[in-house]
Amino acid sequence: MKNLKLSNKEMDVMLVFWNTDEALASSDIPKIESALNINTVRVAIKNLLQKSAIEVADIAQRGTVLTRTYRPTISFEDYLSGQLQHMNFNSLNLMSALVRQETDHENLDELEKIIRERRRSIK
């Protein structure tokens, strides 16, 4: 999904999905993010389904009705990575800037581990 383009409202809906561990119905989203109204959410979900950014996860009971629930098909990190690739962004510069700002030793240790594992996988 390297070239996935999201409108502002689609991004707002995706952020709710990305920050929630469970599949959501369209009616759940305005309860989580009150700035979004149900009509906006329904249009965004229709568009996100067409773009394959989300998928139907299940049919669930909400009150007295059955409704579809959805989950993202792409992680936030993969979405951002695709956007940076699309802009021909230099990953070395970005990673360098992020590492210089990191102050948590555990996070830095985890980054070192990721780099070591990646090096092994490409040899």
PDB file of N, CA and C in Angstrom:
ATOM      1  N   MET A   1       0.824  -1.199   0.000  1.00  0.00           N
ATOM      2  CA  MET A   1       0.000   0.000   0.000  1.00  0.00           C
ATOM      3  C   MET A   1       0.855   1.245   0.000  1.00  0.00           C
ATOM      4  N   LYS A   2       1.870   1.180  -0.782  1.00  0.00           N
ATOM      5  CA  LYS A   2       2.836   2.272  -0.850  1.00  0.00           C
ATOM      6  C   LYS A   2       2.184   3.593  -1.234  1.00  0.00           C
ATOM      7  N   ASN A   3       1.220   3.570  -2.143  1.00  0.00           N
ATOM      8  CA  ASN A   3       0.623   4.802  -2.641  1.00  0.00           C
ATOM      9  C   ASN A   3      -0.742   5.080  -2.039  1.00  0.00           C
ATOM     10  N   LEU A   4      -1.022   4.587  -0.839  1.00  0.00           N
ATOM     11  CA  LEU A   4      -2.303   4.814  -0.187  1.00  0.00           C
ATOM     12  C   LEU A   4      -2.441   6.286   0.166  1.00  0.00           C
ATOM     13  N   LYS A   5      -3.438   6.921  -0.400  1.00  0.00           N
ATOM     14  CA  LYS A   5      -3.708   8.333  -0.132  1.00  0.00           C
ATOM     15  C   LYS A   5      -4.977   8.425   0.704  1.00  0.00           C
ATOM     16  N   LEU A   6      -4.896   9.105   1.828  1.00  0.00           N
ATOM     17  CA  LEU A   6      -6.035   9.255   2.718  1.00  0.00           C
ATOM     18  C   LEU A   6      -6.403  10.721   2.869  1.00  0.00           C
ATOM     19  N   SER A   7      -7.705  10.989   2.842  1.00  0.00           N
ATOM     20  CA  SER A   7      -8.176  12.346   3.131  1.00  0.00           C
ATOM     21  C   SER A   7      -8.017  12.595   4.634  1.00  0.00           C
ATOM     22  N   ASN A   8      -8.217  13.824   5.050  1.00  0.00           N
ATOM     23  CA  ASN A   8      -8.092  14.146   6.473  1.00  0.00           C
ATOM     24  C   ASN A   8      -9.080  13.347   7.315  1.00  0.00           C
ATOM     25  N   LYS A   9     -10.323  13.252   6.862  1.00  0.00           N
ATOM     26  CA  LYS A   9     -11.340  12.506   7.621  1.00  0.00           C
ATOM     27  C   LYS A   9     -11.044  11.012   7.609  1.00  0.00           C
ATOM     28  N   GLU A  10     -10.577  10.481   6.492  1.00  0.00           N
ATOM     29  CA  GLU A  10     -10.185   9.076   6.447  1.00  0.00           C
ATOM     30  C   GLU A  10      -9.037   8.815   7.423  1.00  0.00           C
ATOM     31  N   MET A  11      -8.110   9.732   7.491  1.00  0.00           N
ATOM     32  CA  MET A  11      -6.994   9.599   8.430  1.00  0.00           C
ATOM     33  C   MET A  11      -7.494   9.646   9.869  1.00  0.00           C
ATOM     34  N   ASP A  12      -8.448  10.528  10.157  1.00  0.00           N
ATOM     35  CA  ASP A  12      -9.015  10.594  11.504  1.00  0.00           C
ATOM     36  C   ASP A  12      -9.644   9.262  11.898  1.00  0.00           C
ATOM     37  N   VAL A  13     -10.368   8.647  10.967  1.00  0.00           N
ATOM     38  CA  VAL A  13     -10.998   7.348  11.235  1.00  0.00           C
ATOM     39  C   VAL A  13      -9.932   6.269  11.389  1.00  0.00           C
ATOM     40  N   MET A  14      -8.935   6.280  10.526  1.00  0.00           N
ATOM     41  CA  MET A  14      -7.864   5.284  10.620  1.00  0.00           C
ATOM     42  C   MET A  14      -7.127   5.406  11.953  1.00  0.00           C
ATOM     43  N   LEU A  15      -6.915   6.604  12.435  1.00  0.00           N
ATOM     44  CA  LEU A  15      -6.231   6.781  13.722  1.00  0.00           C
ATOM     45  C   LEU A  15      -7.013   6.114  14.850  1.00  0.00           C
ATOM     46  N   VAL A  16      -8.339   6.168  14.768  1.00  0.00           N
ATOM     47  CA  VAL A  16      -9.152   5.472  15.772  1.00  0.00           C
ATOM     48  C   VAL A  16      -8.920   3.969  15.673  1.00  0.00           C
ATOM     49  N   PHE A  17      -8.943   3.432  14.448  1.00  0.00           N
ATOM     50  CA  PHE A  17      -8.678   2.000  14.267  1.00  0.00           C
ATOM     51  C   PHE A  17      -7.288   1.631  14.789  1.00  0.00           C
ATOM     52  N   TRP A  18      -6.280   2.421  14.423  1.00  0.00           N
ATOM     53  CA  TRP A  18      -4.906   2.116  14.812  1.00  0.00           C
ATOM     54  C   TRP A  18      -4.699   2.183  16.325  1.00  0.00           C
ATOM     55  N   ASN A  19      -5.488   2.995  17.002  1.00  0.00           N
ATOM     56  CA  ASN A  19      -5.325   3.146  18.448  1.00  0.00           C
ATOM     57  C   ASN A  19      -6.244   2.235  19.251  1.00  0.00           C
ATOM     58  N   THR A  20      -6.929   1.329  18.567  1.00  0.00           N
ATOM     59  CA  THR A  20      -7.849   0.403  19.222  1.00  0.00           C
ATOM     60  C   THR A  20      -7.443  -1.021  18.868  1.00  0.00           C
ATOM     61  N   ASP A  21      -7.443  -1.888  19.835  1.00  0.00           N
ATOM     62  CA  ASP A  21      -7.020  -3.270  19.609  1.00  0.00           C
ATOM     63  C   ASP A  21      -8.128  -4.176  19.107  1.00  0.00           C
ATOM     64  N   GLU A  22      -9.357  -3.701  19.073  1.00  0.00           N
ATOM     65  CA  GLU A  22     -10.468  -4.553  18.664  1.00  0.00           C
ATOM     66  C   GLU A  22     -11.123  -4.023  17.388  1.00  0.00           C
ATOM     67  N   ALA A  23     -11.841  -4.902  16.717  1.00  0.00           N
ATOM     68  CA  ALA A  23     -12.584  -4.493  15.526  1.00  0.00           C
ATOM     69  C   ALA A  23     -13.702  -3.550  15.963  1.00  0.00           C
ATOM     70  N   LEU A  24     -13.989  -2.566  15.125  1.00  0.00           N
ATOM     71  CA  LEU A  24     -14.968  -1.542  15.466  1.00  0.00           C
ATOM     72  C   LEU A  24     -16.083  -1.468  14.436  1.00  0.00           C
ATOM     73  N   ALA A  25     -17.287  -1.194  14.915  1.00  0.00           N
ATOM     74  CA  ALA A  25     -18.407  -0.870  14.039  1.00  0.00           C
ATOM     75  C   ALA A  25     -18.363   0.627  13.768  1.00  0.00           C
ATOM     76  N   SER A  26     -19.010   1.052  12.697  1.00  0.00           N
ATOM     77  CA  SER A  26     -19.019   2.484  12.394  1.00  0.00           C
ATOM     78  C   SER A  26     -19.610   3.284  13.548  1.00  0.00           C
ATOM     79  N   SER A  27     -20.586   2.721  14.250  1.00  0.00           N
ATOM     80  CA  SER A  27     -21.216   3.428  15.373  1.00  0.00           C
ATOM     81  C   SER A  27     -20.287   3.552  16.590  1.00  0.00           C
ATOM     82  N   ASP A  28     -19.257   2.735  16.665  1.00  0.00           N
ATOM     83  CA  ASP A  28     -18.303   2.809  17.781  1.00  0.00           C
ATOM     84  C   ASP A  28     -17.372   4.012  17.651  1.00  0.00           C
ATOM     85  N   ILE A  29     -17.066   4.391  16.439  1.00  0.00           N
ATOM     86  CA  ILE A  29     -16.020   5.399  16.201  1.00  0.00           C
ATOM     87  C   ILE A  29     -16.373   6.774  16.765  1.00  0.00           C
ATOM     88  N   PRO A  30     -17.603   7.300  16.536  1.00  0.00           N
ATOM     89  CA  PRO A  30     -17.922   8.605  17.151  1.00  0.00           C
ATOM     90  C   PRO A  30     -17.945   8.561  18.684  1.00  0.00           C
ATOM     91  N   LYS A  31     -18.157   7.388  19.255  1.00  0.00           N
ATOM     92  CA  LYS A  31     -18.117   7.261  20.720  1.00  0.00           C
ATOM     93  C   LYS A  31     -16.684   7.381  21.222  1.00  0.00           C
ATOM     94  N   ILE A  32     -15.736   6.930  20.408  1.00  0.00           N
ATOM     95  CA  ILE A  32     -14.320   7.008  20.778  1.00  0.00           C
ATOM     96  C   ILE A  32     -13.752   8.378  20.450  1.00  0.00           C
ATOM     97  N   GLU A  33     -14.113   8.900  19.276  1.00  0.00           N
ATOM     98  CA  GLU A  33     -13.623  10.215  18.832  1.00  0.00           C
ATOM     99  C   GLU A  33     -14.834  11.101  18.578  1.00  0.00           C
ATOM    100  N   SER A  34     -15.192  11.902  19.571  1.00  0.00           N
ATOM    101  CA  SER A  34     -16.426  12.697  19.504  1.00  0.00           C
ATOM    102  C   SER A  34     -16.399  13.777  18.418  1.00  0.00           C
ATOM    103  N   ALA A  35     -15.229  14.115  17.895  1.00  0.00           N
ATOM    104  CA  ALA A  35     -15.146  15.118  16.827  1.00  0.00           C
ATOM    105  C   ALA A  35     -15.664  14.574  15.496  1.00  0.00           C
ATOM    106  N   LEU A  36     -15.849  13.264  15.410  1.00  0.00           N
ATOM    107  CA  LEU A  36     -16.342  12.643  14.179  1.00  0.00           C
ATOM    108  C   LEU A  36     -17.825  12.325  14.324  1.00  0.00           C
ATOM    109  N   ASN A  37     -18.619  12.705  13.323  1.00  0.00           N
ATOM    110  CA  ASN A  37     -20.032  12.335  13.380  1.00  0.00           C
ATOM    111  C   ASN A  37     -20.258  11.071  12.561  1.00  0.00           C
ATOM    112  N   ILE A  38     -21.353  10.404  12.809  1.00  0.00           N
ATOM    113  CA  ILE A  38     -21.615   9.106  12.212  1.00  0.00           C
ATOM    114  C   ILE A  38     -21.670   9.167  10.687  1.00  0.00           C
ATOM    115  N   ASN A  39     -22.206  10.233  10.121  1.00  0.00           N
ATOM    116  CA  ASN A  39     -22.283  10.328   8.657  1.00  0.00           C
ATOM    117  C   ASN A  39     -20.900  10.429   8.033  1.00  0.00           C
ATOM    118  N   THR A  40     -20.034  11.210   8.638  1.00  0.00           N
ATOM    119  CA  THR A  40     -18.649  11.326   8.169  1.00  0.00           C
ATOM    120  C   THR A  40     -17.942   9.978   8.272  1.00  0.00           C
ATOM    121  N   VAL A  41     -18.167   9.283   9.377  1.00  0.00           N
ATOM    122  CA  VAL A  41     -17.534   7.984   9.604  1.00  0.00           C
ATOM    123  C   VAL A  41     -17.992   6.984   8.546  1.00  0.00           C
ATOM    124  N   ARG A  42     -19.284   6.958   8.252  1.00  0.00           N
ATOM    125  CA  ARG A  42     -19.807   6.000   7.266  1.00  0.00           C
ATOM    126  C   ARG A  42     -19.214   6.237   5.875  1.00  0.00           C
ATOM    127  N   VAL A  43     -19.101   7.494   5.486  1.00  0.00           N
ATOM    128  CA  VAL A  43     -18.493   7.812   4.190  1.00  0.00           C
ATOM    129  C   VAL A  43     -17.019   7.410   4.189  1.00  0.00           C
ATOM    130  N   ALA A  44     -16.320   7.722   5.269  1.00  0.00           N
ATOM    131  CA  ALA A  44     -14.898   7.378   5.363  1.00  0.00           C
ATOM    132  C   ALA A  44     -14.715   5.869   5.314  1.00  0.00           C
ATOM    133  N   ILE A  45     -15.549   5.116   6.004  1.00  0.00           N
ATOM    134  CA  ILE A  45     -15.440   3.652   6.000  1.00  0.00           C
ATOM    135  C   ILE A  45     -15.681   3.106   4.598  1.00  0.00           C
ATOM    136  N   LYS A  46     -16.655   3.640   3.906  1.00  0.00           N
ATOM    137  CA  LYS A  46     -16.908   3.204   2.523  1.00  0.00           C
ATOM    138  C   LYS A  46     -15.661   3.425   1.672  1.00  0.00           C
ATOM    139  N   ASN A  47     -15.053   4.600   1.787  1.00  0.00           N
ATOM    140  CA  ASN A  47     -13.849   4.919   1.014  1.00  0.00           C
ATOM    141  C   ASN A  47     -12.663   4.053   1.428  1.00  0.00           C
ATOM    142  N   LEU A  48     -12.512   3.833   2.724  1.00  0.00           N
ATOM    143  CA  LEU A  48     -11.394   3.022   3.219  1.00  0.00           C
ATOM    144  C   LEU A  48     -11.523   1.572   2.768  1.00  0.00           C
ATOM    145  N   LEU A  49     -12.751   1.068   2.681  1.00  0.00           N
ATOM    146  CA  LEU A  49     -12.966  -0.285   2.152  1.00  0.00           C
ATOM    147  C   LEU A  49     -12.561  -0.351   0.683  1.00  0.00           C
ATOM    148  N   GLN A  50     -12.935   0.672  -0.091  1.00  0.00           N
ATOM    149  CA  GLN A  50     -12.577   0.719  -1.511  1.00  0.00           C
ATOM    150  C   GLN A  50     -11.069   0.792  -1.703  1.00  0.00           C
ATOM    151  N   LYS A  51     -10.385   1.446  -0.795  1.00  0.00           N
ATOM    152  CA  LYS A  51      -8.929   1.583  -0.872  1.00  0.00           C
ATOM    153  C   LYS A  51      -8.207   0.403  -0.233  1.00  0.00           C
ATOM    154  N   SER A  52      -8.962  -0.550   0.303  1.00  0.00           N
ATOM    155  CA  SER A  52      -8.414  -1.738   0.989  1.00  0.00           C
ATOM    156  C   SER A  52      -7.570  -1.369   2.205  1.00  0.00           C
ATOM    157  N   ALA A  53      -7.861  -0.258   2.834  1.00  0.00           N
ATOM    158  CA  ALA A  53      -7.161   0.146   4.047  1.00  0.00           C
ATOM    159  C   ALA A  53      -7.757  -0.536   5.275  1.00  0.00           C
ATOM    160  N   ILE A  54      -9.033  -0.934   5.157  1.00  0.00           N
ATOM    161  CA  ILE A  54      -9.696  -1.688   6.210  1.00  0.00           C
ATOM    162  C   ILE A  54     -10.424  -2.857   5.567  1.00  0.00           C
ATOM    163  N   GLU A  55     -10.829  -3.801   6.409  1.00  0.00           N
ATOM    164  CA  GLU A  55     -11.591  -4.951   5.938  1.00  0.00           C
ATOM    165  C   GLU A  55     -12.677  -5.271   6.950  1.00  0.00           C
ATOM    166  N   VAL A  56     -13.682  -5.999   6.496  1.00  0.00           N
ATOM    167  CA  VAL A  56     -14.724  -6.443   7.408  1.00  0.00           C
ATOM    168  C   VAL A  56     -14.129  -7.534   8.289  1.00  0.00           C
ATOM    169  N   ALA A  57     -14.237  -7.356   9.590  1.00  0.00           N
ATOM    170  CA  ALA A  57     -13.678  -8.315  10.539  1.00  0.00           C
ATOM    171  C   ALA A  57     -14.705  -9.358  10.945  1.00  0.00           C
ATOM    172  N   ASP A  58     -15.944  -8.896  11.158  1.00  0.00           N
ATOM    173  CA  ASP A  58     -16.962  -9.799  11.676  1.00  0.00           C
ATOM    174  C   ASP A  58     -18.323  -9.113  11.603  1.00  0.00           C
ATOM    175  N   ILE A  59     -19.335  -9.873  11.958  1.00  0.00           N
ATOM    176  CA  ILE A  59     -20.678  -9.337  12.163  1.00  0.00           C
ATOM    177  C   ILE A  59     -20.909  -9.414  13.670  1.00  0.00           C
ATOM    178  N   ALA A  60     -21.280  -8.304  14.275  1.00  0.00           N
ATOM    179  CA  ALA A  60     -21.415  -8.259  15.725  1.00  0.00           C
ATOM    180  C   ALA A  60     -22.738  -7.626  16.125  1.00  0.00           C
ATOM    181  N   GLN A  61     -23.193  -7.964  17.298  1.00  0.00           N
ATOM    182  CA  GLN A  61     -24.417  -7.392  17.855  1.00  0.00           C
ATOM    183  C   GLN A  61     -24.081  -6.064  18.513  1.00  0.00           C
ATOM    184  N   ARG A  62     -24.761  -5.011  18.112  1.00  0.00           N
ATOM    185  CA  ARG A  62     -24.640  -3.702  18.754  1.00  0.00           C
ATOM    186  C   ARG A  62     -26.058  -3.286  19.130  1.00  0.00           C
ATOM    187  N   GLY A  63     -26.357  -3.372  20.403  1.00  0.00           N
ATOM    188  CA  GLY A  63     -27.726  -3.099  20.840  1.00  0.00           C
ATOM    189  C   GLY A  63     -28.643  -4.196  20.320  1.00  0.00           C
ATOM    190  N   THR A  64     -29.626  -3.803  19.518  1.00  0.00           N
ATOM    191  CA  THR A  64     -30.583  -4.781  18.988  1.00  0.00           C
ATOM    192  C   THR A  64     -30.330  -5.120  17.529  1.00  0.00           C
ATOM    193  N   VAL A  65     -29.255  -4.611  16.963  1.00  0.00           N
ATOM    194  CA  VAL A  65     -28.990  -4.846  15.539  1.00  0.00           C
ATOM    195  C   VAL A  65     -27.652  -5.553  15.327  1.00  0.00           C
ATOM    196  N   LEU A  66     -27.579  -6.263  14.214  1.00  0.00           N
ATOM    197  CA  LEU A  66     -26.309  -6.842  13.772  1.00  0.00           C
ATOM    198  C   LEU A  66     -25.623  -5.825  12.882  1.00  0.00           C
ATOM    199  N   THR A  67     -24.334  -5.671  13.035  1.00  0.00           N
ATOM    200  CA  THR A  67     -23.588  -4.703  12.235  1.00  0.00           C
ATOM    201  C   THR A  67     -22.216  -5.264  11.897  1.00  0.00           C
ATOM    202  N   ARG A  68     -21.656  -4.764  10.841  1.00  0.00           N
ATOM    203  CA  ARG A  68     -20.295  -5.163  10.470  1.00  0.00           C
ATOM    204  C   ARG A  68     -19.300  -4.456  11.375  1.00  0.00           C
ATOM    205  N   THR A  69     -18.238  -5.166  11.688  1.00  0.00           N
ATOM    206  CA  THR A  69     -17.113  -4.532  12.368  1.00  0.00           C
ATOM    207  C   THR A  69     -15.927  -4.570  11.410  1.00  0.00           C
ATOM    208  N   TYR A  70     -15.025  -3.640  11.588  1.00  0.00           N
ATOM    209  CA  TYR A  70     -13.904  -3.454  10.670  1.00  0.00           C
ATOM    210  C   TYR A  70     -12.599  -3.433  11.439  1.00  0.00           C
ATOM    211  N   ARG A  71     -11.527  -3.745  10.718  1.00  0.00           N
ATOM    212  CA  ARG A  71     -10.174  -3.643  11.270  1.00  0.00           C
ATOM    213  C   ARG A  71      -9.250  -3.163  10.145  1.00  0.00           C
ATOM    214  N   PRO A  72      -8.166  -2.504  10.506  1.00  0.00           N
ATOM    215  CA  PRO A  72      -7.223  -2.024   9.480  1.00  0.00           C
ATOM    216  C   PRO A  72      -6.470  -3.189   8.841  1.00  0.00           C
ATOM    217  N   THR A  73      -6.110  -3.026   7.591  1.00  0.00           N
ATOM    218  CA  THR A  73      -5.308  -4.024   6.881  1.00  0.00           C
ATOM    219  C   THR A  73      -3.847  -3.607   6.817  1.00  0.00           C
ATOM    220  N   ILE A  74      -3.560  -2.426   7.292  1.00  0.00           N
ATOM    221  CA  ILE A  74      -2.202  -1.898   7.283  1.00  0.00           C
ATOM    222  C   ILE A  74      -1.934  -1.231   8.628  1.00  0.00           C
ATOM    223  N   SER A  75      -0.746  -1.389   9.133  1.00  0.00           N
ATOM    224  CA  SER A  75      -0.392  -0.743  10.405  1.00  0.00           C
ATOM    225  C   SER A  75      -0.051   0.730  10.154  1.00  0.00           C
ATOM    226  N   PHE A  76      -0.115   1.489  11.228  1.00  0.00           N
ATOM    227  CA  PHE A  76       0.239   2.905  11.140  1.00  0.00           C
ATOM    228  C   PHE A  76       1.676   3.068  10.660  1.00  0.00           C
ATOM    229  N   GLU A  77       2.563   2.226  11.187  1.00  0.00           N
ATOM    230  CA  GLU A  77       3.981   2.307  10.825  1.00  0.00           C
ATOM    231  C   GLU A  77       4.192   1.997   9.342  1.00  0.00           C
ATOM    232  N   ASP A  78       3.484   0.986   8.836  1.00  0.00           N
ATOM    233  CA  ASP A  78       3.607   0.649   7.421  1.00  0.00           C
ATOM    234  C   ASP A  78       3.032   1.755   6.538  1.00  0.00           C
ATOM    235  N   TYR A  79       1.948   2.375   6.990  1.00  0.00           N
ATOM    236  CA  TYR A  79       1.370   3.498   6.244  1.00  0.00           C
ATOM    237  C   TYR A  79       2.380   4.643   6.157  1.00  0.00           C
ATOM    238  N   LEU A  80       2.952   5.005   7.300  1.00  0.00           N
ATOM    239  CA  LEU A  80       3.940   6.099   7.306  1.00  0.00           C
ATOM    240  C   LEU A  80       5.149   5.765   6.445  1.00  0.00           C
ATOM    241  N   SER A  81       5.613   4.543   6.545  1.00  0.00           N
ATOM    242  CA  SER A  81       6.749   4.117   5.734  1.00  0.00           C
ATOM    243  C   SER A  81       6.439   4.259   4.246  1.00  0.00           C
ATOM    244  N   GLY A  82       5.247   3.857   3.844  1.00  0.00           N
ATOM    245  CA  GLY A  82       4.845   3.984   2.446  1.00  0.00           C
ATOM    246  C   GLY A  82       4.774   5.426   1.996  1.00  0.00           C
ATOM    247  N   GLN A  83       4.296   6.299   2.882  1.00  0.00           N
ATOM    248  CA  GLN A  83       4.212   7.717   2.530  1.00  0.00           C
ATOM    249  C   GLN A  83       5.603   8.313   2.358  1.00  0.00           C
ATOM    250  N   LEU A  84       6.527   7.920   3.228  1.00  0.00           N
ATOM    251  CA  LEU A  84       7.896   8.420   3.114  1.00  0.00           C
ATOM    252  C   LEU A  84       8.569   7.911   1.842  1.00  0.00           C
ATOM    253  N   GLN A  85       8.329   6.651   1.495  1.00  0.00           N
ATOM    254  CA  GLN A  85       8.893   6.094   0.255  1.00  0.00           C
ATOM    255  C   GLN A  85       8.329   6.819  -0.957  1.00  0.00           C
ATOM    256  N   HIS A  86       7.038   7.103  -0.911  1.00  0.00           N
ATOM    257  CA  HIS A  86       6.383   7.797  -2.026  1.00  0.00           C
ATOM    258  C   HIS A  86       7.000   9.187  -2.241  1.00  0.00           C
ATOM    259  N   MET A  87       7.452   9.814  -1.153  1.00  0.00           N
ATOM    260  CA  MET A  87       8.057  11.145  -1.258  1.00  0.00           C
ATOM    261  C   MET A  87       9.551  11.060  -1.520  1.00  0.00           C
ATOM    262  N   ASN A  88      10.077   9.842  -1.749  1.00  0.00           N
ATOM    263  CA  ASN A  88      11.513   9.634  -1.928  1.00  0.00           C
ATOM    264  C   ASN A  88      12.315  10.224  -0.769  1.00  0.00           C
ATOM    265  N   PHE A  89      11.781  10.031   0.427  1.00  0.00           N
ATOM    266  CA  PHE A  89      12.405  10.558   1.633  1.00  0.00           C
ATOM    267  C   PHE A  89      13.633   9.734   1.987  1.00  0.00           C
ATOM    268  N   ASN A  90      14.670  10.383   2.438  1.00  0.00           N
ATOM    269  CA  ASN A  90      15.905   9.713   2.824  1.00  0.00           C
ATOM    270  C   ASN A  90      15.723   9.119   4.219  1.00  0.00           C
ATOM    271  N   SER A  91      15.630   7.793   4.305  1.00  0.00           N
ATOM    272  CA  SER A  91      15.375   7.138   5.587  1.00  0.00           C
ATOM    273  C   SER A  91      16.531   7.323   6.564  1.00  0.00           C
ATOM    274  N   LEU A  92      17.746   7.413   6.067  1.00  0.00           N
ATOM    275  CA  LEU A  92      18.889   7.605   6.959  1.00  0.00           C
ATOM    276  C   LEU A  92      18.764   8.924   7.718  1.00  0.00           C
ATOM    277  N   ASN A  93      18.399   9.988   7.022  1.00  0.00           N
ATOM    278  CA  ASN A  93      18.243  11.290   7.680  1.00  0.00           C
ATOM    279  C   ASN A  93      17.129  11.255   8.725  1.00  0.00           C
ATOM    280  N   LEU A  94      16.019  10.613   8.374  1.00  0.00           N
ATOM    281  CA  LEU A  94      14.902  10.529   9.306  1.00  0.00           C
ATOM    282  C   LEU A  94      15.289   9.728  10.543  1.00  0.00           C
ATOM    283  N   MET A  95      15.850   8.547  10.333  1.00  0.00           N
ATOM    284  CA  MET A  95      16.221   7.700  11.467  1.00  0.00           C
ATOM    285  C   MET A  95      17.274   8.382  12.342  1.00  0.00           C
ATOM    286  N   SER A  96      18.208   9.039  11.721  1.00  0.00           N
ATOM    287  CA  SER A  96      19.249   9.750  12.461  1.00  0.00           C
ATOM    288  C   SER A  96      18.625  10.820  13.351  1.00  0.00           C
ATOM    289  N   ALA A  97      17.696  11.574  12.823  1.00  0.00           N
ATOM    290  CA  ALA A  97      17.039  12.625  13.607  1.00  0.00           C
ATOM    291  C   ALA A  97      16.230  12.030  14.758  1.00  0.00           C
ATOM    292  N   LEU A  98      15.525  10.937  14.489  1.00  0.00           N
ATOM    293  CA  LEU A  98      14.724  10.312  15.541  1.00  0.00           C
ATOM    294  C   LEU A  98      15.598   9.727  16.646  1.00  0.00           C
ATOM    295  N   VAL A  99      16.696   9.094  16.268  1.00  0.00           N
ATOM    296  CA  VAL A  99      17.588   8.500  17.266  1.00  0.00           C
ATOM    297  C   VAL A  99      18.220   9.586  18.129  1.00  0.00           C
ATOM    298  N   ARG A 100      18.590  10.702  17.526  1.00  0.00           N
ATOM    299  CA  ARG A 100      19.189  11.798  18.303  1.00  0.00           C
ATOM    300  C   ARG A 100      18.215  12.353  19.344  1.00  0.00           C
ATOM    301  N   GLN A 101      16.920  12.262  19.083  1.00  0.00           N
ATOM    302  CA  GLN A 101      15.920  12.779  20.026  1.00  0.00           C
ATOM    303  C   GLN A 101      15.524  11.760  21.086  1.00  0.00           C
ATOM    304  N   GLU A 102      15.835  10.496  20.877  1.00  0.00           N
ATOM    305  CA  GLU A 102      15.430   9.433  21.802  1.00  0.00           C
ATOM    306  C   GLU A 102      16.228   9.529  23.098  1.00  0.00           C
ATOM    307  N   THR A 103      15.525   9.448  24.236  1.00  0.00           N
ATOM    308  CA  THR A 103      16.186   9.538  25.538  1.00  0.00           C
ATOM    309  C   THR A 103      16.007   8.275  26.375  1.00  0.00           C
ATOM    310  N   ASP A 104      15.220   7.347  25.905  1.00  0.00           N
ATOM    311  CA  ASP A 104      14.958   6.111  26.644  1.00  0.00           C
ATOM    312  C   ASP A 104      15.965   5.043  26.225  1.00  0.00           C
ATOM    313  N   HIS A 105      16.771   4.576  27.180  1.00  0.00           N
ATOM    314  CA  HIS A 105      17.804   3.574  26.891  1.00  0.00           C
ATOM    315  C   HIS A 105      17.204   2.268  26.375  1.00  0.00           C
ATOM    316  N   GLU A 106      16.055   1.875  26.906  1.00  0.00           N
ATOM    317  CA  GLU A 106      15.408   0.640  26.448  1.00  0.00           C
ATOM    318  C   GLU A 106      15.015   0.739  24.977  1.00  0.00           C
ATOM    319  N   ASN A 107      14.502   1.901  24.568  1.00  0.00           N
ATOM    320  CA  ASN A 107      14.145   2.098  23.160  1.00  0.00           C
ATOM    321  C   ASN A 107      15.381   2.041  22.270  1.00  0.00           C
ATOM    322  N   LEU A 108      16.467   2.645  22.723  1.00  0.00           N
ATOM    323  CA  LEU A 108      17.702   2.609  21.946  1.00  0.00           C
ATOM    324  C   LEU A 108      18.230   1.175  21.837  1.00  0.00           C
ATOM    325  N   ASP A 109      18.144   0.410  22.928  1.00  0.00           N
ATOM    326  CA  ASP A 109      18.562  -0.999  22.892  1.00  0.00           C
ATOM    327  C   ASP A 109      17.703  -1.783  21.897  1.00  0.00           C
ATOM    328  N   GLU A 110      16.422  -1.510  21.896  1.00  0.00           N
ATOM    329  CA  GLU A 110      15.514  -2.206  20.969  1.00  0.00           C
ATOM    330  C   GLU A 110      15.839  -1.835  19.517  1.00  0.00           C
ATOM    331  N   LEU A 111      16.167  -0.579  19.268  1.00  0.00           N
ATOM    332  CA  LEU A 111      16.562  -0.165  17.918  1.00  0.00           C
ATOM    333  C   LEU A 111      17.827  -0.890  17.467  1.00  0.00           C
ATOM    334  N   GLU A 112      18.788  -1.008  18.364  1.00  0.00           N
ATOM    335  CA  GLU A 112      20.017  -1.751  18.030  1.00  0.00           C
ATOM    336  C   GLU A 112      19.692  -3.201  17.682  1.00  0.00           C
ATOM    337  N   LYS A 113      18.810  -3.794  18.446  1.00  0.00           N
ATOM    338  CA  LYS A 113      18.402  -5.180  18.194  1.00  0.00           C
ATOM    339  C   LYS A 113      17.737  -5.305  16.828  1.00  0.00           C
ATOM    340  N   ILE A 114      16.862  -4.378  16.489  1.00  0.00           N
ATOM    341  CA  ILE A 114      16.176  -4.397  15.192  1.00  0.00           C
ATOM    342  C   ILE A 114      17.179  -4.284  14.053  1.00  0.00           C
ATOM    343  N   ILE A 115      18.164  -3.408  14.212  1.00  0.00           N
ATOM    344  CA  ILE A 115      19.188  -3.226  13.172  1.00  0.00           C
ATOM    345  C   ILE A 115      20.016  -4.496  13.009  1.00  0.00           C
ATOM    346  N   ARG A 116      20.408  -5.110  14.115  1.00  0.00           N
ATOM    347  CA  ARG A 116      21.181  -6.362  14.035  1.00  0.00           C
ATOM    348  C   ARG A 116      20.376  -7.456  13.332  1.00  0.00           C
ATOM    349  N   GLU A 117      19.098  -7.583  13.688  1.00  0.00           N
ATOM    350  CA  GLU A 117      18.250  -8.603  13.062  1.00  0.00           C
ATOM    351  C   GLU A 117      18.070  -8.332  11.569  1.00  0.00           C
ATOM    352  N   ARG A 118      17.917  -7.084  11.213  1.00  0.00           N
ATOM    353  CA  ARG A 118      17.745  -6.721   9.805  1.00  0.00           C
ATOM    354  C   ARG A 118      19.004  -7.029   9.015  1.00  0.00           C
ATOM    355  N   ARG A 119      20.158  -6.738   9.574  1.00  0.00           N
ATOM    356  CA  ARG A 119      21.426  -7.042   8.895  1.00  0.00           C
ATOM    357  C   ARG A 119      21.558  -8.537   8.639  1.00  0.00           C
ATOM    358  N   ARG A 120      21.205  -9.341   9.646  1.00  0.00           N
ATOM    359  CA  ARG A 120      21.273 -10.800   9.481  1.00  0.00           C
ATOM    360  C   ARG A 120      20.308 -11.281   8.395  1.00  0.00           C
ATOM    361  N   SER A 121      19.157 -10.672   8.315  1.00  0.00           N
ATOM    362  CA  SER A 121      18.154 -11.146   7.355  1.00  0.00           C
ATOM    363  C   SER A 121      18.499 -10.788   5.902  1.00  0.00           C
ATOM    364  N   ILE A 122      19.328  -9.768   5.704  1.00  0.00           N
ATOM    365  CA  ILE A 122      19.654  -9.387   4.313  1.00  0.00           C
ATOM    366  C   ILE A 122      20.997  -9.946   3.847  1.00  0.00           C
ATOM    367  N   LYS A 123      21.691 -10.684   4.705  1.00  0.00           N
ATOM    368  CA  LYS A 123      22.975 -11.284   4.290  1.00  0.00           C
ATOM    369  C   LYS A 123      22.751 -12.517   3.480  1.00  0.00           C
TER     370      LYS A 123
END
